[in-house]
């Protein structure tokens, strides 16, 4: 019964509004959306491209999964994001299974619900990004390593090889390195005999058989171009820039923020470091270290790089009851979320998101009370309900879509361009290719060539006067910009004026001297 309830929570947390562009996005998501849609339109499997240019920012396994979803459900945003959401649901279920084996049924359920309701994953598992599929490879490796070593079932090491190949084809060499450090580090301490056995050799051979063919084929077809782009630019060069304290803070602070509201429970669980050789402590520590230490090395770091360590962190949290200070701090954090949701009711919003926001405030409040009473698992479940209301109903209820359905016909078949934005989200929303104009000169060239330009009002203002005076507005709608200054959000709340948080978006084209659209 509890497992069915967990699955129901996962479905309502990660699937509603998944295909709605109003539910939010991330700059990296647009690259993946555009690449997979273009591969689908070309029937291409080997070479990822964007605007007909090969881009080997990442290997193609995630794009293949999106293509499979497109084939089943059509080329749309829901299909593009579904592989990520399903991968994350699978991660949570693996955490449940692993936690049960390490600590028992109740602790496994706690670890699973805490993992599912960490803020970072509520955001990123609903996007067409590679973090959730990569986390699935690590979760599979951790589960298989435990079964092989602690339950004396060596054939499970073959699953570790498959997991390494999976992450090798999602993230590149670093993906395989993460799995190697997780599993190899644990076995080095706990079971060196198994580490040196034929099963480990078999895992390496299986991983190579699965993971290497795409690399070999890409090099055979593209030669130096593939080597320079993927090997040199996307991997080697990332280690050639100076390491900075600011970059490291970005990684570690991002990890702690994305673990909210369970960050204090994590900090409280670190007392387990004193018994790090215990297998139930060592495995999650090896998992966390493989991620955080590996991403410490390259100079380029983004906050979401630490996301794949969160399941390991929540396993460590579930191992033992939290100290009192961590429980009280968690209750206070949840209370602050309840207050924030209640204060947001001041905004004049439509009825459905208003009621959903009120429900989220109540759910966060209930979670806070439960945390203060040391009932962490029910508190996490209530938090999941609150997040589900916010991401499924509140955000899409107040944030207009990236490209409204009625805006596309207004372009009347003209080539579509978007100003200085990676066009993947717009391509899927429009149902046809949208290309990127990188600057004002390219935007004007697109307009002069008979195209229609998607741009914000401020971007249109950057065009030259002789172009602006010939523009005709084909469509107009509001959106919340991706980076909203805190001052504008504060004024909007203070004045109860939602106009402060929106900007106008336009579809524009040029008009000829006779009043007809320019061609």
Protein backbone atom coordinates (compact mmCIF):
# COMPACT_ATOMS: atom_id res chain seq x y z
CA UNK A 1 0.00 0.00 0.00
CA UNK A 2 2.79 2.44 0.89
CA UNK A 3 4.60 1.67 -2.35
CA UNK A 4 1.44 2.34 -4.35
CA UNK A 5 1.08 5.65 -2.51
CA UNK A 6 4.71 6.51 -3.33
CA UNK A 7 4.16 5.75 -7.01
CA UNK A 8 1.01 7.89 -7.01
CA UNK A 9 2.95 10.77 -5.45
CA UNK A 10 5.68 10.43 -8.09
CA UNK A 11 3.16 10.51 -10.92
CA UNK A 12 1.37 13.63 -9.65
CA UNK A 13 4.68 15.33 -8.89
CA UNK A 14 6.43 14.72 -12.21
CA UNK A 15 3.84 14.26 -14.96
CA UNK A 16 1.17 17.05 -14.71
CA UNK A 17 1.91 20.04 -17.00
CA UNK A 18 5.03 18.23 -18.23
CA UNK A 19 4.24 19.18 -21.82
CA UNK A 20 3.28 22.76 -21.02
CA UNK A 21 5.97 25.30 -21.91
CA UNK A 22 4.44 27.56 -19.26
CA UNK A 23 5.73 25.20 -16.55
CA UNK A 24 9.27 26.60 -16.85
CA UNK A 25 12.48 25.67 -18.62
CA UNK A 26 16.27 26.00 -18.43
CA UNK A 27 18.72 27.39 -21.02
CA UNK A 28 20.36 23.97 -21.49
CA UNK A 29 17.01 22.33 -22.14
CA UNK A 30 16.55 24.30 -25.35
CA UNK A 31 19.73 22.79 -26.83
CA UNK A 32 18.52 19.27 -26.13
CA UNK A 33 15.00 19.96 -27.42
CA UNK A 34 16.28 21.45 -30.64
CA UNK A 35 18.81 18.68 -31.19
CA UNK A 36 16.42 15.78 -30.63
CA UNK A 37 13.68 17.38 -32.75
CA UNK A 38 16.13 17.96 -35.59
CA UNK A 39 17.43 14.38 -35.39
CA UNK A 40 13.85 13.15 -35.50
CA UNK A 41 12.98 15.24 -38.55
CA UNK A 42 16.05 13.94 -40.40
CA UNK A 43 15.78 10.34 -39.25
CA UNK A 44 19.31 10.74 -37.91
CA UNK A 45 20.72 8.42 -35.24
CA UNK A 46 24.48 8.87 -35.34
CA UNK A 47 25.15 12.61 -35.39
CA UNK A 48 23.42 15.18 -33.16
CA UNK A 49 22.84 18.43 -35.09
CA UNK A 50 21.36 21.84 -34.45
CA UNK A 51 20.58 24.20 -37.33
CA UNK A 52 22.06 21.48 -39.56
CA UNK A 53 25.45 21.83 -37.82
CA UNK A 54 26.87 18.79 -35.98
CA UNK A 55 27.02 19.40 -32.26
CA UNK A 56 28.68 16.87 -30.01
CA UNK A 57 28.05 18.67 -26.76
CA UNK A 58 26.84 15.33 -25.44
CA UNK A 59 26.60 11.75 -26.73
CA UNK A 60 23.20 10.78 -28.14
CA UNK A 61 21.61 8.25 -25.73
CA UNK A 62 19.27 10.85 -24.26
CA UNK A 63 18.36 12.05 -27.75
CA UNK A 64 17.64 8.45 -28.73
CA UNK A 65 15.24 8.13 -25.80
CA UNK A 66 13.50 11.34 -26.87
CA UNK A 67 13.25 10.05 -30.44
CA UNK A 68 11.62 6.87 -29.15
CA UNK A 69 9.09 9.00 -27.27
CA UNK A 70 8.49 11.14 -30.38
CA UNK A 71 7.79 8.01 -32.42
CA UNK A 72 5.19 6.88 -29.88
CA UNK A 73 3.62 10.20 -28.88
CA UNK A 74 4.50 12.68 -31.63
CA UNK A 75 7.17 15.37 -31.71
CA UNK A 76 5.99 17.49 -28.81
CA UNK A 77 7.21 18.84 -25.49
CA UNK A 78 5.54 16.15 -23.38
CA UNK A 79 7.30 13.41 -25.34
CA UNK A 80 10.62 15.26 -25.15
CA UNK A 81 10.46 15.56 -21.37
CA UNK A 82 8.94 12.17 -20.61
CA UNK A 83 12.24 10.18 -20.70
CA UNK A 84 13.73 12.46 -18.04
CA UNK A 85 10.67 12.22 -15.79
CA UNK A 86 10.46 8.43 -16.14
CA UNK A 87 14.19 8.08 -15.50
CA UNK A 88 13.83 10.03 -12.27
CA UNK A 89 10.83 7.97 -11.15
CA UNK A 90 12.98 4.88 -11.74
CA UNK A 91 15.77 6.46 -9.63
CA UNK A 92 13.40 6.97 -6.71
CA UNK A 93 12.18 3.37 -6.95
CA UNK A 94 15.79 2.13 -7.00
CA UNK A 95 16.53 4.24 -3.92
CA UNK A 96 13.54 2.58 -2.26
CA UNK A 97 14.83 -0.89 -3.16
CA UNK A 98 18.41 -0.12 -2.12
CA UNK A 99 17.37 1.59 1.12
CA UNK A 100 15.23 -1.42 2.08
CA UNK A 101 18.17 -3.76 1.59
CA UNK A 102 20.61 -1.56 3.49
CA UNK A 103 18.47 -0.25 6.34
CA UNK A 104 15.03 -1.85 6.26
CA UNK A 105 11.58 -1.12 4.84
CA UNK A 106 10.80 2.08 6.76
CA UNK A 107 14.18 3.70 6.12
CA UNK A 108 14.00 2.77 2.43
CA UNK A 109 10.64 4.50 2.11
CA UNK A 110 11.98 7.58 3.91
CA UNK A 111 14.99 7.76 1.58
CA UNK A 112 12.77 7.42 -1.48
CA UNK A 113 10.30 10.15 -0.48
CA UNK A 114 13.08 12.53 0.59
CA UNK A 115 14.81 11.94 -2.74
CA UNK A 116 11.61 12.56 -4.70
CA UNK A 117 10.86 15.83 -2.92
CA UNK A 118 14.26 17.53 -2.96
CA UNK A 119 13.75 20.92 -4.59
CA UNK A 120 16.42 20.47 -7.27
CA UNK A 121 14.81 17.35 -8.63
CA UNK A 122 11.29 18.77 -8.51
CA UNK A 123 12.67 21.29 -11.01
CA UNK A 124 15.15 19.36 -13.14
CA UNK A 125 13.42 15.97 -13.45
CA UNK A 126 10.57 17.75 -15.25
CA UNK A 127 12.89 19.14 -17.93
CA UNK A 128 14.41 17.52 -21.01
CA UNK A 129 17.86 17.45 -19.48
CA UNK A 130 20.40 14.70 -18.91
CA UNK A 131 20.72 14.86 -15.13
CA UNK A 132 17.92 12.38 -14.35
CA UNK A 133 19.04 9.71 -16.86
CA UNK A 134 22.61 10.07 -15.56
CA UNK A 135 21.33 9.69 -11.98
CA UNK A 136 19.58 6.51 -13.09
CA UNK A 137 22.92 5.05 -14.20
CA UNK A 138 24.47 5.87 -10.82
CA UNK A 139 21.49 4.47 -8.90
CA UNK A 140 21.64 1.24 -10.90
CA UNK A 141 25.38 1.00 -10.26
CA UNK A 142 24.90 1.52 -6.51
CA UNK A 143 22.12 -1.06 -6.30
CA UNK A 144 24.05 -3.62 -8.34
CA UNK A 145 27.25 -3.05 -6.35
CA UNK A 146 25.42 -3.71 -3.09
CA UNK A 147 23.84 -6.88 -4.45
CA UNK A 148 27.15 -8.13 -5.83
CA UNK A 149 29.26 -7.39 -2.76
CA UNK A 150 27.06 -7.43 0.34
CA UNK A 151 24.61 -10.11 -0.82
CA UNK A 152 27.24 -12.26 -2.54
CA UNK A 153 25.70 -12.14 -6.01
CA UNK A 154 28.71 -11.32 -8.26
CA UNK A 155 26.77 -11.43 -11.59
CA UNK A 156 25.20 -8.14 -10.56
CA UNK A 157 28.52 -6.50 -11.46
CA UNK A 158 27.49 -6.86 -15.09
CA UNK A 159 24.72 -4.37 -14.35
CA UNK A 160 27.44 -1.98 -13.15
CA UNK A 161 29.09 -2.31 -16.56
CA UNK A 162 25.78 -1.57 -18.27
CA UNK A 163 25.28 1.47 -16.01
CA UNK A 164 28.76 2.77 -16.88
CA UNK A 165 27.99 2.39 -20.58
CA UNK A 166 24.68 4.19 -20.10
CA UNK A 167 26.30 7.19 -18.45
CA UNK A 168 29.16 7.05 -20.98
CA UNK A 169 26.55 7.54 -23.73
CA UNK A 170 24.71 10.27 -21.81
CA UNK A 171 27.42 12.46 -20.29
CA UNK A 172 30.59 11.29 -22.02
CA UNK A 173 33.76 9.93 -20.35
CA UNK A 174 32.95 11.61 -17.05
CA UNK A 175 29.76 9.55 -16.81
CA UNK A 176 31.73 6.29 -16.92
CA UNK A 177 34.26 7.72 -14.44
CA UNK A 178 31.48 8.46 -11.92
CA UNK A 179 30.26 4.87 -12.04
CA UNK A 180 33.82 3.54 -11.81
CA UNK A 181 34.57 5.64 -8.72
CA UNK A 182 31.28 4.75 -7.04
CA UNK A 183 31.47 0.99 -7.53
CA UNK A 184 35.26 0.64 -7.58
CA UNK A 185 35.72 2.80 -4.50
CA UNK A 186 33.21 0.76 -2.51
CA UNK A 187 34.68 -2.59 -3.60
CA UNK A 188 38.22 -1.40 -2.94
CA UNK A 189 37.34 -0.98 0.73
CA UNK A 190 34.76 -3.73 1.18
CA UNK A 191 35.55 -6.54 -1.25
CA UNK A 192 38.88 -6.38 -3.07
CA UNK A 193 38.62 -10.01 -4.08
CA UNK A 194 35.45 -9.26 -6.04
CA UNK A 195 37.03 -6.13 -7.49
CA UNK A 196 39.83 -8.27 -8.98
CA UNK A 197 37.52 -11.06 -10.15
CA UNK A 198 36.38 -12.16 -13.59
CA UNK A 199 33.05 -10.47 -12.94
CA UNK A 200 34.73 -7.07 -12.87
CA UNK A 201 36.47 -7.91 -16.13
CA UNK A 202 33.12 -8.95 -17.55
CA UNK A 203 31.59 -5.65 -16.43
CA UNK A 204 34.33 -3.72 -18.25
CA UNK A 205 33.92 -5.77 -21.41
CA UNK A 206 30.13 -5.40 -21.38
CA UNK A 207 30.40 -1.65 -20.79
CA UNK A 208 32.86 -1.29 -23.65
CA UNK A 209 30.70 -3.38 -25.97
CA UNK A 210 27.69 -1.16 -25.28
CA UNK A 211 29.36 2.22 -24.92
CA UNK A 212 32.16 2.33 -27.49
CA UNK A 213 30.46 1.66 -30.88
CA UNK A 214 28.93 5.14 -31.15
CA UNK A 215 32.30 6.76 -30.45
CA UNK A 216 34.08 4.56 -32.97
CA UNK A 217 31.41 5.17 -35.62
CA UNK A 218 31.43 8.95 -35.02
CA UNK A 219 35.19 9.11 -35.37
CA UNK A 220 35.09 6.93 -38.49
CA UNK A 221 32.48 9.18 -40.13
CA UNK A 222 33.58 12.62 -38.93
CA UNK A 223 37.25 12.16 -38.09
CA UNK A 224 39.06 15.28 -36.89
CA UNK A 225 35.86 17.33 -36.61
CA UNK A 226 34.47 14.91 -34.00
CA UNK A 227 37.80 14.73 -32.18
CA UNK A 228 38.24 18.51 -32.00
CA UNK A 229 34.66 19.22 -30.92
CA UNK A 230 33.92 16.39 -28.51
CA UNK A 231 37.27 15.25 -27.20
CA UNK A 232 39.18 18.55 -27.15
CA UNK A 233 36.56 21.28 -26.74
CA UNK A 234 33.95 19.49 -24.63
CA UNK A 235 36.23 17.41 -22.43
CA UNK A 236 39.96 18.22 -22.45
CA UNK A 237 39.53 22.03 -22.53
CA UNK A 238 37.35 21.99 -19.42
CA UNK A 239 40.42 21.08 -17.38
CA UNK A 240 42.60 23.78 -18.90
CA UNK A 241 41.13 26.80 -17.14
CA UNK A 242 42.13 27.94 -13.65
CA UNK A 243 40.34 26.36 -10.70
CA UNK A 244 38.56 29.03 -8.68
CA UNK A 245 37.02 29.14 -5.23
CA UNK A 246 33.96 30.79 -6.76
CA UNK A 247 33.47 27.84 -9.11
CA UNK A 248 33.74 25.39 -6.24
CA UNK A 249 31.25 27.39 -4.20
CA UNK A 250 28.87 27.29 -7.16
CA UNK A 251 28.98 23.49 -7.10
CA UNK A 252 28.74 22.95 -3.34
CA UNK A 253 26.25 25.72 -2.54
CA UNK A 254 24.15 24.62 -5.50
CA UNK A 255 24.13 21.07 -4.12
CA UNK A 256 22.97 22.27 -0.70
CA UNK A 257 20.29 24.56 -2.17
CA UNK A 258 18.93 21.86 -4.45
CA UNK A 259 18.74 19.49 -1.46
CA UNK A 260 16.28 21.81 0.30
CA UNK A 261 14.17 21.48 2.36
CA UNK A 262 16.19 18.47 3.56
CA UNK A 263 19.60 20.18 3.69
CA UNK A 264 19.70 20.33 7.48
CA UNK A 265 18.88 16.63 7.71
CA UNK A 266 21.82 15.97 5.40
CA UNK A 267 24.17 18.08 7.51
CA UNK A 268 22.98 16.24 10.60
CA UNK A 269 23.62 12.87 8.97
CA UNK A 270 27.28 13.68 8.34
CA UNK A 271 28.08 12.48 11.86
CA UNK A 272 28.02 9.04 10.20
CA UNK A 273 31.44 9.88 8.74
CA UNK A 274 32.93 8.52 11.96
CA UNK A 275 31.80 5.03 10.91
CA UNK A 276 32.55 5.42 7.22
CA UNK A 277 33.75 1.83 6.82
CA UNK A 278 30.28 0.43 7.57
CA UNK A 279 28.80 -0.70 4.24
CA UNK A 280 25.56 1.25 4.77
CA UNK A 281 27.60 4.41 5.22
CA UNK A 282 30.36 3.69 2.74
CA UNK A 283 28.13 3.16 -0.30
CA UNK A 284 26.26 6.49 -0.14
CA UNK A 285 29.52 8.26 0.73
CA UNK A 286 31.25 6.71 -2.29
CA UNK A 287 28.30 7.81 -4.44
CA UNK A 288 28.36 11.38 -3.15
CA UNK A 289 32.14 11.63 -3.38
CA UNK A 290 32.22 10.28 -6.93
CA UNK A 291 29.99 13.16 -8.02
CA UNK A 292 31.19 16.07 -5.90
CA UNK A 293 34.92 15.27 -6.08
CA UNK A 294 34.86 14.55 -9.83
CA UNK A 295 33.07 17.80 -10.63
CA UNK A 296 35.46 19.66 -8.35
CA UNK A 297 38.31 18.95 -10.77
CA UNK A 298 37.22 20.78 -13.97
CA UNK A 299 37.18 24.56 -13.92
CA UNK A 300 33.69 24.83 -15.42
CA UNK A 301 30.97 24.09 -12.85
CA UNK A 302 27.22 24.66 -12.77
CA UNK A 303 24.99 24.32 -9.71
CA UNK A 304 23.04 21.38 -11.13
CA UNK A 305 26.19 19.24 -11.47
CA UNK A 306 25.65 18.07 -7.89
CA UNK A 307 22.09 16.87 -8.45
CA UNK A 308 23.10 13.26 -9.04
CA UNK A 309 24.57 13.07 -5.52
CA UNK A 310 21.22 13.89 -3.86
CA UNK A 311 19.85 10.29 -3.84
CA UNK A 312 22.99 9.16 -2.02
CA UNK A 313 22.62 12.01 0.45
CA UNK A 314 19.02 11.04 1.20
CA UNK A 315 20.04 7.40 1.77
CA UNK A 316 22.51 8.65 4.35
CA UNK A 317 19.80 10.77 5.97
CA UNK A 318 17.42 7.81 6.22
CA UNK A 319 20.00 5.55 7.86
CA UNK A 320 19.43 6.89 11.37
CA UNK A 321 17.09 9.34 13.14
CA UNK A 322 18.21 12.94 12.65
CA UNK A 323 19.65 14.97 15.53
CA UNK A 324 17.16 17.27 17.21
CA UNK A 325 18.71 20.48 15.83
CA UNK A 326 18.46 19.18 12.24
CA UNK A 327 14.83 18.21 12.70
CA UNK A 328 13.94 21.60 14.19
CA UNK A 329 15.81 23.46 11.44
CA UNK A 330 13.96 21.41 8.81
CA UNK A 331 10.64 22.21 10.43
CA UNK A 332 11.56 25.90 10.38
CA UNK A 333 12.53 25.73 6.70
CA UNK A 334 9.18 24.14 5.84
CA UNK A 335 7.41 26.79 7.91
CA UNK A 336 9.17 29.48 5.86
CA UNK A 337 7.94 27.82 2.66
CA UNK A 338 4.41 27.84 4.06
CA UNK A 339 4.72 31.54 4.89
CA UNK A 340 6.12 32.31 1.45
CA UNK A 341 3.24 30.48 -0.23
CA UNK A 342 0.72 32.29 1.98
CA UNK A 343 2.29 35.70 1.24
CA UNK A 344 2.12 34.92 -2.48
CA UNK A 345 -1.67 34.88 -2.17
CA UNK A 346 -1.42 38.66 -2.27
CA UNK A 347 -0.84 38.47 -6.03
CA UNK A 348 -4.04 38.81 -8.07
CA UNK A 349 -4.00 35.47 -9.90
CA UNK A 350 -6.74 33.32 -11.46
CA UNK A 351 -8.88 31.13 -9.24
CA UNK A 352 -7.26 27.73 -9.92
CA UNK A 353 -3.66 28.79 -9.19
CA UNK A 354 -4.95 30.85 -6.23
CA UNK A 355 -6.63 27.84 -4.64
CA UNK A 356 -3.61 25.67 -5.48
CA UNK A 357 -1.30 28.16 -3.83
CA UNK A 358 -3.47 28.14 -0.72
CA UNK A 359 -3.36 24.34 -0.74
CA UNK A 360 0.42 24.42 -1.07
CA UNK A 361 0.67 26.77 1.91
CA UNK A 362 -1.42 24.38 4.00
CA UNK A 363 0.60 21.36 2.86
CA UNK A 364 3.92 23.05 3.66
CA UNK A 365 2.49 24.05 7.05
CA UNK A 366 1.43 20.46 7.75
CA UNK A 367 4.88 19.26 6.70
CA UNK A 368 6.46 21.71 9.12
CA UNK A 369 4.37 20.45 12.05
CA UNK A 370 5.17 16.85 11.16
CA UNK A 371 8.90 17.59 10.97
CA UNK A 372 8.83 19.27 14.40
CA UNK A 373 7.18 16.08 15.72
CA UNK A 374 9.95 13.92 14.22
CA UNK A 375 7.69 12.41 11.57
CA UNK A 376 10.00 12.96 8.64
CA UNK A 377 8.44 10.55 6.15
CA UNK A 378 4.91 12.04 6.39
CA UNK A 379 6.49 15.50 6.31
CA UNK A 380 8.20 14.63 3.04
CA UNK A 381 4.94 13.28 1.61
CA UNK A 382 3.13 16.52 2.52
CA UNK A 383 5.98 18.48 0.95
CA UNK A 384 5.54 16.44 -2.22
CA UNK A 385 1.85 17.37 -2.33
CA UNK A 386 2.76 21.04 -1.93
CA UNK A 387 5.35 20.91 -4.71
CA UNK A 388 2.92 19.04 -6.97
CA UNK A 389 0.38 21.84 -6.59
CA UNK A 390 3.00 24.48 -7.32
CA UNK A 391 4.61 22.91 -10.40
CA UNK A 392 1.44 21.32 -11.78
CA UNK A 393 -1.09 24.12 -11.28
CA UNK A 394 0.36 27.35 -9.88
CA UNK A 395 3.32 27.94 -12.22
CA UNK A 396 1.53 27.04 -15.49
CA UNK A 397 -1.52 28.94 -14.26
CA UNK A 398 0.31 32.26 -13.97
CA UNK A 399 3.11 31.92 -16.54
CA UNK A 400 2.00 32.17 -20.17
CA UNK A 401 3.42 29.62 -22.63
CA UNK A 402 6.68 30.35 -24.44
CA UNK A 403 4.83 30.50 -27.76
CA UNK A 404 1.02 30.54 -27.65
CA UNK A 405 -0.74 28.27 -30.13
CA UNK A 406 -2.45 31.19 -31.86
CA UNK A 407 0.86 32.97 -32.47
CA UNK A 408 2.14 30.39 -34.95
CA UNK A 409 -0.57 30.80 -37.64
CA UNK A 410 0.02 34.55 -37.56
CA UNK A 411 3.40 33.95 -39.23
CA UNK A 412 1.53 32.61 -42.29
CA UNK A 413 4.18 30.16 -43.37
CA UNK A 414 7.13 32.55 -43.09
CA UNK A 415 10.40 31.07 -41.80
CA UNK A 416 10.46 31.48 -38.04
CA UNK A 417 13.40 32.96 -36.15
CA UNK A 418 13.91 33.74 -32.47
CA UNK A 419 16.15 36.56 -31.25
CA UNK A 420 19.20 35.44 -29.21
CA UNK A 421 17.49 32.42 -27.65
CA UNK A 422 18.22 28.77 -28.28
CA UNK A 423 15.13 27.81 -30.26
CA UNK A 424 14.41 24.25 -29.11
CA UNK A 425 11.37 25.10 -26.98
CA UNK A 426 9.97 27.29 -29.77
CA UNK A 427 10.57 24.58 -32.38
CA UNK A 428 8.43 22.10 -30.46
CA UNK A 429 5.78 24.69 -29.63
CA UNK A 430 5.55 25.80 -33.27
CA UNK A 431 5.57 22.31 -34.71
CA UNK A 432 8.14 23.39 -37.30
CA UNK A 433 11.78 24.53 -37.28
CA UNK A 434 12.66 27.80 -35.58
CA UNK A 435 16.16 29.18 -36.11
CA UNK A 436 18.24 31.47 -33.92
CA UNK A 437 19.24 35.02 -34.80
CA UNK A 438 22.24 35.60 -32.57
CA UNK A 439 22.27 39.41 -32.69
CA UNK A 440 20.50 42.43 -34.16
CA UNK A 441 22.26 42.08 -37.51
CA UNK A 442 21.12 38.46 -37.92
CA UNK A 443 17.62 39.37 -36.76
CA UNK A 444 17.39 42.10 -39.39
CA UNK A 445 18.74 39.71 -42.01
CA UNK A 446 16.03 37.20 -41.11
CA UNK A 447 13.35 39.88 -41.44
CA UNK A 448 14.74 41.16 -44.75
CA UNK A 449 14.70 37.59 -46.02
CA UNK A 450 10.96 37.35 -45.44
CA UNK A 451 11.07 35.66 -42.04
CA UNK A 452 9.01 36.27 -38.92
CA UNK A 453 10.95 37.09 -35.75
CA UNK A 454 10.01 36.03 -32.22
CA UNK A 455 11.47 38.55 -29.78
CA UNK A 456 10.79 40.47 -26.61
CA UNK A 457 9.73 44.08 -26.85
CA UNK A 458 13.12 45.19 -25.55
CA UNK A 459 14.91 43.08 -28.17
CA UNK A 460 12.85 44.62 -30.95
CA UNK A 461 13.94 47.99 -29.60
CA UNK A 462 17.56 47.11 -30.47
CA UNK A 463 16.83 46.90 -34.19
CA UNK A 464 17.84 49.80 -36.44
CA UNK A 465 15.28 52.61 -36.91
CA UNK A 466 14.77 51.96 -40.62
CA UNK A 467 13.83 48.34 -39.85
CA UNK A 468 11.66 49.16 -36.84
CA UNK A 469 9.52 51.63 -38.77
CA UNK A 470 8.61 48.91 -41.28
CA UNK A 471 7.68 46.27 -38.70
CA UNK A 472 4.19 44.89 -38.32
CA UNK A 473 3.11 43.01 -35.20
CA UNK A 474 1.69 39.58 -36.04
CA UNK A 475 1.17 38.40 -32.46
CA UNK A 476 1.70 39.68 -28.93
CA UNK A 477 1.66 37.97 -25.54
CA UNK A 478 3.17 38.25 -22.07
CA UNK A 479 5.66 35.99 -20.36
CA UNK A 480 7.70 35.92 -17.16
CA UNK A 481 11.37 36.38 -18.17
CA UNK A 482 13.83 33.66 -17.28
CA UNK A 483 15.86 35.99 -15.06
CA UNK A 484 13.59 38.27 -13.06
CA UNK A 485 15.27 40.95 -10.92
CA UNK A 486 14.33 40.70 -7.25
CA UNK A 487 13.37 44.39 -7.25
CA UNK A 488 10.67 43.82 -9.86
CA UNK A 489 9.29 40.80 -8.00
CA UNK A 490 9.20 42.84 -4.78
CA UNK A 491 7.37 45.75 -6.45
CA UNK A 492 4.88 43.36 -8.02
CA UNK A 493 4.09 41.87 -4.61
CA UNK A 494 4.03 45.20 -2.78
CA UNK A 495 1.75 46.89 -5.30
CA UNK A 496 -0.26 43.78 -6.16
CA UNK A 497 0.67 44.51 -9.75
CA UNK A 498 1.57 41.40 -11.75
CA UNK A 499 2.57 43.58 -14.73
CA UNK A 500 5.92 44.07 -12.99
CA UNK A 501 6.88 40.42 -13.46
CA UNK A 502 5.91 40.13 -17.11
CA UNK A 503 7.50 41.25 -20.35
CA UNK A 504 5.87 41.52 -23.77
CA UNK A 505 6.77 39.04 -26.48
CA UNK A 506 6.11 39.70 -30.16
CA UNK A 507 6.06 37.99 -33.52
CA UNK A 508 7.05 40.65 -36.05
CA UNK A 509 7.66 40.82 -39.81
CA UNK A 510 8.50 43.53 -42.29
CA UNK A 511 5.86 45.32 -44.32
CA UNK A 512 6.38 46.49 -47.89
CA UNK A 513 5.65 49.95 -49.24
CA UNK A 514 2.23 48.86 -50.47
CA UNK A 515 1.22 47.67 -47.01
CA UNK A 516 1.59 43.99 -47.81
CA UNK A 517 4.01 41.85 -45.78
CA UNK A 518 7.56 42.19 -47.07
CA UNK A 519 8.91 39.14 -48.95
